């Protein structure tokens, strides 16, 4: 499942994203740095060795639903999901 919006809070274990329709979604980060972050660099997606997501960044997040918990797998910073 893909979720897109604006990051409103960023911590070592969670990301909070506000979708364009106004819904607020809490995403749990995987331990051990397993949640990966990417930014567009020279027209291609580059994995960020030292991710620096910030509140206010647009993001498109690939997630996995584990019961009632959404886990962030891959986070594409500076990008929205789907047509704008």
Protein backbone atom coordinates (compact mmCIF):
# COMPACT_ATOMS: atom_id res chain seq x y z
CA UNK A 1 0.00 0.00 0.00
CA UNK A 2 1.27 3.48 -0.87
CA UNK A 3 0.49 6.55 1.24
CA UNK A 4 1.40 10.09 0.24
CA UNK A 5 1.31 13.45 1.92
CA UNK A 6 3.34 15.87 4.00
CA UNK A 7 5.47 14.72 6.93
CA UNK A 8 4.31 16.53 10.07
CA UNK A 9 6.44 14.71 12.66
CA UNK A 10 9.62 12.68 12.35
CA UNK A 11 11.19 10.60 15.12
CA UNK A 12 13.55 7.65 15.32
CA UNK A 13 10.65 5.18 15.48
CA UNK A 14 7.74 6.93 13.70
CA UNK A 15 6.70 9.19 10.87
CA UNK A 16 3.45 11.13 10.95
CA UNK A 17 2.04 12.02 7.54
CA UNK A 18 -0.88 14.30 6.68
CA UNK A 19 -2.61 13.20 3.48
CA UNK A 20 -4.02 15.71 0.98
CA UNK A 21 -7.57 14.89 2.15
CA UNK A 22 -6.58 15.86 5.71
CA UNK A 23 -6.22 12.40 7.26
CA UNK A 24 -3.29 12.00 9.66
CA UNK A 25 -1.47 8.67 9.49
CA UNK A 26 1.17 7.35 11.90
CA UNK A 27 3.76 5.06 10.30
CA UNK A 28 6.15 2.99 12.38
CA UNK A 29 9.75 2.81 11.21
CA UNK A 30 11.40 -0.60 11.07
CA UNK A 31 14.22 -1.23 13.54
CA UNK A 32 17.89 -1.32 12.66
CA UNK A 33 17.53 1.24 9.90
CA UNK A 34 15.47 -1.17 7.78
CA UNK A 35 13.11 1.61 6.70
CA UNK A 36 14.90 3.04 3.67
CA UNK A 37 14.80 6.65 2.47
CA UNK A 38 15.32 7.91 -1.07
CA UNK A 39 15.66 11.36 -2.70
CA UNK A 40 15.75 12.25 -6.38
CA UNK A 41 19.32 13.06 -7.44
CA UNK A 42 20.12 13.91 -11.06
CA UNK A 43 16.86 12.38 -12.28
CA UNK A 44 17.18 9.08 -10.39
CA UNK A 45 16.23 7.86 -6.93
CA UNK A 46 19.24 7.63 -4.61
CA UNK A 47 19.17 5.81 -1.29
CA UNK A 48 20.09 8.11 1.58
CA UNK A 49 22.79 6.55 3.79
CA UNK A 50 22.03 9.13 6.47
CA UNK A 51 18.34 9.87 6.00
CA UNK A 52 17.30 13.38 6.92
CA UNK A 53 13.52 13.54 6.65
CA UNK A 54 12.04 16.74 8.06
CA UNK A 55 8.58 17.92 8.99
CA UNK A 56 7.18 19.69 5.94
CA UNK A 57 8.77 17.30 3.42
CA UNK A 58 6.35 15.77 0.90
CA UNK A 59 6.71 11.99 0.90
CA UNK A 60 5.39 8.91 -0.82
CA UNK A 61 5.69 5.88 1.46
CA UNK A 62 5.47 2.19 0.64
CA UNK A 63 3.87 0.57 3.68
CA UNK A 64 2.96 -2.82 5.07
CA UNK A 65 -0.08 -3.34 7.29
CA UNK A 66 0.66 -5.57 10.29
CA UNK A 67 -2.66 -5.94 12.10
CA UNK A 68 -3.55 -2.31 12.87
CA UNK A 69 0.02 -1.04 12.54
CA UNK A 70 1.34 0.58 9.36
CA UNK A 71 5.06 -0.06 8.84
CA UNK A 72 7.09 2.27 6.61
CA UNK A 73 9.21 0.19 4.22
CA UNK A 74 10.49 2.70 1.66
CA UNK A 75 10.12 6.48 1.89
CA UNK A 76 10.51 8.63 -1.22
CA UNK A 77 11.20 12.17 0.02
CA UNK A 78 10.18 15.16 -2.04
CA UNK A 79 7.57 13.16 -3.96
CA UNK A 80 3.85 12.68 -3.91
CA UNK A 81 2.00 9.47 -4.72
CA UNK A 82 -0.10 9.26 -7.86
CA UNK A 83 -1.54 12.08 -9.90
CA UNK A 84 -1.66 15.52 -8.30
